PDB file of N, CA and C in Angstrom:
ATOM      1  N   MET A   1       1.195   8.626  26.404  1.00  0.00           N
ATOM      2  CA  MET A   1       1.102   8.183  25.035  1.00  0.00           C
ATOM      3  C   MET A   1      -0.034   8.913  24.320  1.00  0.00           C
ATOM      4  N   LYS A   2      -1.165   9.078  25.008  1.00  0.00           N
ATOM      5  CA  LYS A   2      -2.296   9.756  24.368  1.00  0.00           C
ATOM      6  C   LYS A   2      -1.906  11.163  23.930  1.00  0.00           C
ATOM      7  N   GLU A   3      -1.234  11.894  24.793  1.00  0.00           N
ATOM      8  CA  GLU A   3      -0.830  13.262  24.456  1.00  0.00           C
ATOM      9  C   GLU A   3       0.121  13.280  23.261  1.00  0.00           C
ATOM     10  N   ALA A   4       1.078  12.371  23.245  1.00  0.00           N
ATOM     11  CA  ALA A   4       2.034  12.311  22.132  1.00  0.00           C
ATOM     12  C   ALA A   4       1.318  12.005  20.818  1.00  0.00           C
ATOM     13  N   LEU A   5       0.385  11.064  20.840  1.00  0.00           N
ATOM     14  CA  LEU A   5      -0.366  10.726  19.629  1.00  0.00           C
ATOM     15  C   LEU A   5      -1.258  11.872  19.190  1.00  0.00           C
ATOM     16  N   THR A   6      -1.924  12.500  20.124  1.00  0.00           N
ATOM     17  CA  THR A   6      -2.805  13.632  19.801  1.00  0.00           C
ATOM     18  C   THR A   6      -2.013  14.787  19.202  1.00  0.00           C
ATOM     19  N   ASN A   7      -0.835  15.040  19.735  1.00  0.00           N
ATOM     20  CA  ASN A   7      -0.012  16.155  19.254  1.00  0.00           C
ATOM     21  C   ASN A   7       0.517  15.955  17.839  1.00  0.00           C
ATOM     22  N   LEU A   8       0.419  14.752  17.310  1.00  0.00           N
ATOM     23  CA  LEU A   8       0.833  14.541  15.918  1.00  0.00           C
ATOM     24  C   LEU A   8       0.021  15.417  14.970  1.00  0.00           C
ATOM     25  N   LYS A   9      -1.207  15.742  15.349  1.00  0.00           N
ATOM     26  CA  LYS A   9      -2.052  16.596  14.503  1.00  0.00           C
ATOM     27  C   LYS A   9      -1.371  17.922  14.202  1.00  0.00           C
ATOM     28  N   ASN A  10      -0.617  18.439  15.164  1.00  0.00           N
ATOM     29  CA  ASN A  10       0.062  19.723  14.992  1.00  0.00           C
ATOM     30  C   ASN A  10       1.456  19.590  14.399  1.00  0.00           C
ATOM     31  N   ASN A  11       1.971  18.375  14.312  1.00  0.00           N
ATOM     32  CA  ASN A  11       3.375  18.194  13.932  1.00  0.00           C
ATOM     33  C   ASN A  11       3.612  17.344  12.691  1.00  0.00           C
ATOM     34  N   ALA A  12       2.585  16.723  12.165  1.00  0.00           N
ATOM     35  CA  ALA A  12       2.726  15.897  10.957  1.00  0.00           C
ATOM     36  C   ALA A  12       1.803  16.472   9.887  1.00  0.00           C
ATOM     37  N   PRO A  13       2.354  17.172   8.903  1.00  0.00           N
ATOM     38  CA  PRO A  13       1.537  17.897   7.923  1.00  0.00           C
ATOM     39  C   PRO A  13       0.538  17.039   7.139  1.00  0.00           C
ATOM     40  N   SER A  14       0.843  15.776   6.905  1.00  0.00           N
ATOM     41  CA  SER A  14      -0.056  14.948   6.100  1.00  0.00           C
ATOM     42  C   SER A  14      -1.247  14.416   6.897  1.00  0.00           C
ATOM     43  N   LEU A  15      -1.228  14.565   8.217  1.00  0.00           N
ATOM     44  CA  LEU A  15      -2.293  14.074   9.079  1.00  0.00           C
ATOM     45  C   LEU A  15      -3.393  15.133   9.186  1.00  0.00           C
ATOM     46  N   LEU A  16      -4.575  14.839   8.617  1.00  0.00           N
ATOM     47  CA  LEU A  16      -5.680  15.803   8.611  1.00  0.00           C
ATOM     48  C   LEU A  16      -6.430  15.834   9.938  1.00  0.00           C
ATOM     49  N   GLU A  17      -6.754  14.675  10.438  1.00  0.00           N
ATOM     50  CA  GLU A  17      -7.529  14.544  11.676  1.00  0.00           C
ATOM     51  C   GLU A  17      -6.937  13.408  12.497  1.00  0.00           C
ATOM     52  N   VAL A  18      -7.099  13.525  13.799  1.00  0.00           N
ATOM     53  CA  VAL A  18      -6.616  12.471  14.691  1.00  0.00           C
ATOM     54  C   VAL A  18      -7.623  12.273  15.813  1.00  0.00           C
ATOM     55  N   GLU A  19      -7.805  11.036  16.179  1.00  0.00           N
ATOM     56  CA  GLU A  19      -8.623  10.687  17.337  1.00  0.00           C
ATOM     57  C   GLU A  19      -7.849   9.648  18.132  1.00  0.00           C
ATOM     58  N   VAL A  20      -7.750   9.863  19.427  1.00  0.00           N
ATOM     59  CA  VAL A  20      -7.072   8.921  20.308  1.00  0.00           C
ATOM     60  C   VAL A  20      -8.045   8.567  21.411  1.00  0.00           C
ATOM     61  N   GLY A  21      -8.302   7.276  21.564  1.00  0.00           N
ATOM     62  CA  GLY A  21      -9.238   6.829  22.586  1.00  0.00           C
ATOM     63  C   GLY A  21      -8.567   5.899  23.577  1.00  0.00           C
ATOM     64  N   ILE A  22      -8.942   6.047  24.831  1.00  0.00           N
ATOM     65  CA  ILE A  22      -8.460   5.170  25.888  1.00  0.00           C
ATOM     66  C   ILE A  22      -9.563   4.156  26.191  1.00  0.00           C
ATOM     67  N   ASN A  23      -9.199   2.900  26.226  1.00  0.00           N
ATOM     68  CA  ASN A  23     -10.143   1.819  26.448  1.00  0.00           C
ATOM     69  C   ASN A  23     -10.811   1.911  27.819  1.00  0.00           C
ATOM     70  N   ILE A  24     -12.119   1.641  27.856  1.00  0.00           N
ATOM     71  CA  ILE A  24     -12.830   1.565  29.126  1.00  0.00           C
ATOM     72  C   ILE A  24     -13.354   0.153  29.392  1.00  0.00           C
ATOM     73  N   SER A  25     -13.130  -0.758  28.451  1.00  0.00           N
ATOM     74  CA  SER A  25     -13.610  -2.129  28.579  1.00  0.00           C
ATOM     75  C   SER A  25     -12.711  -2.939  29.516  1.00  0.00           C
ATOM     76  N   GLU A  26     -13.318  -3.825  30.237  1.00  0.00           N
ATOM     77  CA  GLU A  26     -12.556  -4.747  31.084  1.00  0.00           C
ATOM     78  C   GLU A  26     -12.414  -6.114  30.426  1.00  0.00           C
ATOM     79  N   HIS A  27     -12.816  -6.223  29.174  1.00  0.00           N
ATOM     80  CA  HIS A  27     -12.727  -7.484  28.435  1.00  0.00           C
ATOM     81  C   HIS A  27     -11.273  -7.932  28.339  1.00  0.00           C
ATOM     82  N   LYS A  28     -11.022  -9.204  28.509  1.00  0.00           N
ATOM     83  CA  LYS A  28      -9.648  -9.724  28.526  1.00  0.00           C
ATOM     84  C   LYS A  28      -8.913  -9.538  27.207  1.00  0.00           C
ATOM     85  N   ASP A  29      -9.629  -9.378  26.111  1.00  0.00           N
ATOM     86  CA  ASP A  29      -9.000  -9.214  24.800  1.00  0.00           C
ATOM     87  C   ASP A  29      -8.920  -7.761  24.352  1.00  0.00           C
ATOM     88  N   ALA A  30      -9.301  -6.831  25.212  1.00  0.00           N
ATOM     89  CA  ALA A  30      -9.322  -5.414  24.841  1.00  0.00           C
ATOM     90  C   ALA A  30      -7.915  -4.825  24.815  1.00  0.00           C
ATOM     91  N   TYR A  31      -7.708  -3.892  23.910  1.00  0.00           N
ATOM     92  CA  TYR A  31      -6.473  -3.108  23.868  1.00  0.00           C
ATOM     93  C   TYR A  31      -6.647  -1.864  24.729  1.00  0.00           C
ATOM     94  N   ASP A  32      -5.554  -1.202  25.070  1.00  0.00           N
ATOM     95  CA  ASP A  32      -5.595  -0.050  25.969  1.00  0.00           C
ATOM     96  C   ASP A  32      -5.872   1.270  25.269  1.00  0.00           C
ATOM     97  N   ILE A  33      -5.424   1.415  24.029  1.00  0.00           N
ATOM     98  CA  ILE A  33      -5.496   2.716  23.360  1.00  0.00           C
ATOM     99  C   ILE A  33      -5.690   2.498  21.859  1.00  0.00           C
ATOM    100  N   VAL A  34      -6.370   3.450  21.219  1.00  0.00           N
ATOM    101  CA  VAL A  34      -6.548   3.405  19.771  1.00  0.00           C
ATOM    102  C   VAL A  34      -6.166   4.767  19.193  1.00  0.00           C
ATOM    103  N   PHE A  35      -5.474   4.729  18.073  1.00  0.00           N
ATOM    104  CA  PHE A  35      -5.115   5.933  17.328  1.00  0.00           C
ATOM    105  C   PHE A  35      -5.783   5.826  15.972  1.00  0.00           C
ATOM    106  N   ILE A  36      -6.578   6.833  15.623  1.00  0.00           N
ATOM    107  CA  ILE A  36      -7.217   6.880  14.310  1.00  0.00           C
ATOM    108  C   ILE A  36      -6.752   8.163  13.633  1.00  0.00           C
ATOM    109  N   GLY A  37      -6.092   8.010  12.508  1.00  0.00           N
ATOM    110  CA  GLY A  37      -5.621   9.152  11.736  1.00  0.00           C
ATOM    111  C   GLY A  37      -6.297   9.178  10.382  1.00  0.00           C
ATOM    112  N   CYS A  38      -6.625  10.369   9.906  1.00  0.00           N
ATOM    113  CA  CYS A  38      -7.268  10.541   8.601  1.00  0.00           C
ATOM    114  C   CYS A  38      -6.323  11.291   7.666  1.00  0.00           C
ATOM    115  N   PHE A  39      -6.260  10.815   6.445  1.00  0.00           N
ATOM    116  CA  PHE A  39      -5.370  11.369   5.428  1.00  0.00           C
ATOM    117  C   PHE A  39      -6.157  11.600   4.147  1.00  0.00           C
ATOM    118  N   ALA A  40      -5.788  12.611   3.396  1.00  0.00           N
ATOM    119  CA  ALA A  40      -6.486  12.929   2.148  1.00  0.00           C
ATOM    120  C   ALA A  40      -6.237  11.868   1.083  1.00  0.00           C
ATOM    121  N   THR A  41      -5.030  11.344   1.042  1.00  0.00           N
ATOM    122  CA  THR A  41      -4.664  10.379   0.003  1.00  0.00           C
ATOM    123  C   THR A  41      -3.793   9.274   0.588  1.00  0.00           C
ATOM    124  N   ARG A  42      -3.665   8.207  -0.141  1.00  0.00           N
ATOM    125  CA  ARG A  42      -2.773   7.126   0.272  1.00  0.00           C
ATOM    126  C   ARG A  42      -1.327   7.612   0.280  1.00  0.00           C
ATOM    127  N   SER A  43      -1.003   8.502  -0.621  1.00  0.00           N
ATOM    128  CA  SER A  43       0.328   9.103  -0.645  1.00  0.00           C
ATOM    129  C   SER A  43       0.612   9.860   0.654  1.00  0.00           C
ATOM    130  N   ASP A  44      -0.393  10.565   1.170  1.00  0.00           N
ATOM    131  CA  ASP A  44      -0.230  11.269   2.447  1.00  0.00           C
ATOM    132  C   ASP A  44       0.011  10.284   3.587  1.00  0.00           C
ATOM    133  N   LEU A  45      -0.678   9.149   3.559  1.00  0.00           N
ATOM    134  CA  LEU A  45      -0.441   8.107   4.555  1.00  0.00           C
ATOM    135  C   LEU A  45       1.003   7.615   4.471  1.00  0.00           C
ATOM    136  N   ASN A  46       1.488   7.404   3.259  1.00  0.00           N
ATOM    137  CA  ASN A  46       2.869   6.967   3.073  1.00  0.00           C
ATOM    138  C   ASN A  46       3.850   8.031   3.575  1.00  0.00           C
ATOM    139  N   ASP A  47       3.533   9.306   3.342  1.00  0.00           N
ATOM    140  CA  ASP A  47       4.375  10.390   3.856  1.00  0.00           C
ATOM    141  C   ASP A  47       4.396  10.383   5.387  1.00  0.00           C
ATOM    142  N   PHE A  48       3.252  10.119   5.990  1.00  0.00           N
ATOM    143  CA  PHE A  48       3.144  10.068   7.441  1.00  0.00           C
ATOM    144  C   PHE A  48       4.057   8.976   8.008  1.00  0.00           C
ATOM    145  N   ASP A  49       4.118   7.848   7.334  1.00  0.00           N
ATOM    146  CA  ASP A  49       4.986   6.750   7.788  1.00  0.00           C
ATOM    147  C   ASP A  49       6.451   7.177   7.850  1.00  0.00           C
ATOM    148  N   LYS A  50       6.838   8.143   7.014  1.00  0.00           N
ATOM    149  CA  LYS A  50       8.236   8.611   6.955  1.00  0.00           C
ATOM    150  C   LYS A  50       8.456   9.901   7.749  1.00  0.00           C
ATOM    151  N   ASP A  51       7.383  10.458   8.311  1.00  0.00           N
ATOM    152  CA  ASP A  51       7.448  11.747   8.997  1.00  0.00           C
ATOM    153  C   ASP A  51       8.293  11.665  10.273  1.00  0.00           C
ATOM    154  N   GLU A  52       9.115  12.674  10.511  1.00  0.00           N
ATOM    155  CA  GLU A  52      10.009  12.690  11.678  1.00  0.00           C
ATOM    156  C   GLU A  52       9.226  12.697  12.994  1.00  0.00           C
ATOM    157  N   ALA A  53       8.173  13.505  13.082  1.00  0.00           N
ATOM    158  CA  ALA A  53       7.368  13.559  14.309  1.00  0.00           C
ATOM    159  C   ALA A  53       6.715  12.212  14.579  1.00  0.00           C
ATOM    160  N   HIS A  54       6.212  11.575  13.530  1.00  0.00           N
ATOM    161  CA  HIS A  54       5.612  10.246  13.662  1.00  0.00           C
ATOM    162  C   HIS A  54       6.660   9.248  14.139  1.00  0.00           C
ATOM    163  N   GLY A  55       7.856   9.344  13.619  1.00  0.00           N
ATOM    164  CA  GLY A  55       8.936   8.444  14.035  1.00  0.00           C
ATOM    165  C   GLY A  55       9.274   8.585  15.511  1.00  0.00           C
ATOM    166  N   LYS A  56       9.278   9.806  16.009  1.00  0.00           N
ATOM    167  CA  LYS A  56       9.576  10.036  17.433  1.00  0.00           C
ATOM    168  C   LYS A  56       8.484   9.454  18.322  1.00  0.00           C
ATOM    169  N   VAL A  57       7.235   9.624  17.926  1.00  0.00           N
ATOM    170  CA  VAL A  57       6.146   9.035  18.700  1.00  0.00           C
ATOM    171  C   VAL A  57       6.213   7.509  18.597  1.00  0.00           C
ATOM    172  N   GLY A  58       6.569   7.012  17.435  1.00  0.00           N
ATOM    173  CA  GLY A  58       6.743   5.568  17.265  1.00  0.00           C
ATOM    174  C   GLY A  58       7.794   5.005  18.207  1.00  0.00           C
ATOM    175  N   ASP A  59       8.876   5.741  18.405  1.00  0.00           N
ATOM    176  CA  ASP A  59       9.914   5.312  19.348  1.00  0.00           C
ATOM    177  C   ASP A  59       9.336   5.196  20.758  1.00  0.00           C
ATOM    178  N   LEU A  60       8.530   6.171  21.164  1.00  0.00           N
ATOM    179  CA  LEU A  60       7.893   6.131  22.480  1.00  0.00           C
ATOM    180  C   LEU A  60       6.971   4.920  22.600  1.00  0.00           C
ATOM    181  N   VAL A  61       6.135   4.725  21.595  1.00  0.00           N
ATOM    182  CA  VAL A  61       5.173   3.620  21.619  1.00  0.00           C
ATOM    183  C   VAL A  61       5.902   2.285  21.708  1.00  0.00           C
ATOM    184  N   ARG A  62       6.969   2.117  20.935  1.00  0.00           N
ATOM    185  CA  ARG A  62       7.732   0.858  20.959  1.00  0.00           C
ATOM    186  C   ARG A  62       8.279   0.555  22.350  1.00  0.00           C
ATOM    187  N   LYS A  63       8.639   1.587  23.099  1.00  0.00           N
ATOM    188  CA  LYS A  63       9.213   1.391  24.435  1.00  0.00           C
ATOM    189  C   LYS A  63       8.182   0.916  25.451  1.00  0.00           C
ATOM    190  N   ILE A  64       6.919   1.297  25.284  1.00  0.00           N
ATOM    191  CA  ILE A  64       5.949   1.007  26.335  1.00  0.00           C
ATOM    192  C   ILE A  64       4.839   0.039  25.942  1.00  0.00           C
ATOM    193  N   LYS A  65       4.767  -0.367  24.704  1.00  0.00           N
ATOM    194  CA  LYS A  65       3.689  -1.259  24.268  1.00  0.00           C
ATOM    195  C   LYS A  65       4.040  -2.726  24.522  1.00  0.00           C
ATOM    196  N   GLU A  66       3.013  -3.519  24.702  1.00  0.00           N
ATOM    197  CA  GLU A  66       3.187  -4.971  24.730  1.00  0.00           C
ATOM    198  C   GLU A  66       2.855  -5.559  23.368  1.00  0.00           C
ATOM    199  N   HIS A  67       1.744  -5.088  22.784  1.00  0.00           N
ATOM    200  CA  HIS A  67       1.286  -5.569  21.479  1.00  0.00           C
ATOM    201  C   HIS A  67       0.817  -4.375  20.670  1.00  0.00           C
ATOM    202  N   ARG A  68       0.840  -4.550  19.369  1.00  0.00           N
ATOM    203  CA  ARG A  68       0.392  -3.491  18.474  1.00  0.00           C
ATOM    204  C   ARG A  68      -0.317  -4.129  17.288  1.00  0.00           C
ATOM    205  N   THR A  69      -1.410  -3.537  16.882  1.00  0.00           N
ATOM    206  CA  THR A  69      -2.144  -3.988  15.711  1.00  0.00           C
ATOM    207  C   THR A  69      -2.359  -2.780  14.814  1.00  0.00           C
ATOM    208  N   VAL A  70      -2.146  -2.939  13.514  1.00  0.00           N
ATOM    209  CA  VAL A  70      -2.330  -1.858  12.557  1.00  0.00           C
ATOM    210  C   VAL A  70      -3.415  -2.270  11.567  1.00  0.00           C
ATOM    211  N   ILE A  71      -4.339  -1.346  11.344  1.00  0.00           N
ATOM    212  CA  ILE A  71      -5.374  -1.524  10.325  1.00  0.00           C
ATOM    213  C   ILE A  71      -5.397  -0.245   9.502  1.00  0.00           C
ATOM    214  N   GLU A  72      -5.181  -0.367   8.219  1.00  0.00           N
ATOM    215  CA  GLU A  72      -5.259   0.784   7.319  1.00  0.00           C
ATOM    216  C   GLU A  72      -6.347   0.487   6.300  1.00  0.00           C
ATOM    217  N   TYR A  73      -7.261   1.446   6.121  1.00  0.00           N
ATOM    218  CA  TYR A  73      -8.385   1.216   5.212  1.00  0.00           C
ATOM    219  C   TYR A  73      -8.778   2.507   4.524  1.00  0.00           C
ATOM    220  N   GLU A  74      -9.508   2.362   3.423  1.00  0.00           N
ATOM    221  CA  GLU A  74     -10.039   3.512   2.688  1.00  0.00           C
ATOM    222  C   GLU A  74     -11.553   3.502   2.781  1.00  0.00           C
ATOM    223  N   ILE A  75     -12.104   4.713   2.830  1.00  0.00           N
ATOM    224  CA  ILE A  75     -13.566   4.834   2.850  1.00  0.00           C
ATOM    225  C   ILE A  75     -14.038   5.272   1.483  1.00  0.00           C
TER     226      ILE A  75
END
């Protein structure tokens, strides 16, 4: 999953930067992986949601995830 998420940087034009982290915490409430994507505009984020490469990775994630949380914010 990490490789697929990281490779979005090369395959989704609206994605400027990507960071994928694997959890090292043993806390019972910890998640296993985090994906952080940076976009120039909110429109680019919306384009990413419709991107074919993003959709293919989404299909993979849906097959192997137990839970998913999404947080979208602006700086």
